[in-house]
Amino acid sequence: MPVGLRGVVPVLDVRTGQAVHARAGLRQAYAPIDSPLRGSTLLETARRLLQAADSDRLYVADLNALLDAGADSAVSALVHDLTGVTILLDRGRYVETPMPGHVRPVLPLEAGWSECQHAELVARLCPWRPLFSLDLHCGRLHEGYRHWPVATAGDVLPLLERVQAVGYRSVIMVDVSQVGTECGVARLANWVRCVRRQWPELEIVAGGGVRDARDVRQLLAAGADAVLVATALHRGRLGRVPSTPPY
């Protein structure tokens, strides 16, 4: 069996209380996950993912919130019950404070906040160490970039410079078009390398397209501090399948 790797952060995408398989950013088409890691409850699935990746961090995406359908109560319950680990929580424009101390909010480019709004959010959420999600599509910026003072979708580095100017010290670089496709990470690794070269102190979490341990190593070698993985874990190409309920 493949083994877990340093730096892997498992991903749990949730829609209406169910764990779903994210693929290419087509959220309305995400289907319930079919995997040995799927438990009888959302909490059990989360724990199995953490054990499979040998990780103490979990990325949780609330698809209901990201689709402007309101926060999913099942995600709120999971965040409350899953203690002892760090949760990177992406709920799009739904940001509620205070939040538990083990949660780090993810504030995405796609949410469409302006530069000034991000500055206000960073100041308000500073105790929870927020991460800016640099949402890419086929290597270019998501259309949310139009709310920032950059000219084109290719202005990744200029945007990141503005992102840090408003106070972010951590970013997630994810190519949404590659998520769940297992198509490889060459293009993403090139972007990570460029960002790491320019900002050595920036925390970088990268994801989208990871197939196996080689892709994880490629992103870590490019300068990522951590790598988001879902499909490769569910398909047993990375990590280990828990033999018994892990906790």
Foldseek 3Di string as FASTA:
>chain_A
DAAADPFEAEEFEDEQQATWAAAQLPLVPTDGDDFLLDDPGPLLSQQQRCQQNVAQEYEYEQVCLVVVNDGRVNVVVNQVPDPRGAYAYERQPDDDPDDDLSYAYEHELVSLDALVVLLVVCVVRVSRQHEYEQEAEPLFGDPSCVRYPDDGRNPPPVVVVSNVVSPHQEYEYEHSSQGNVLQACVSVLVVLLVVCVVPVRGAYEYEGNHQAPVRQVSNVVSPHSHYYDYNNSRVVRHGDGDPDRDD
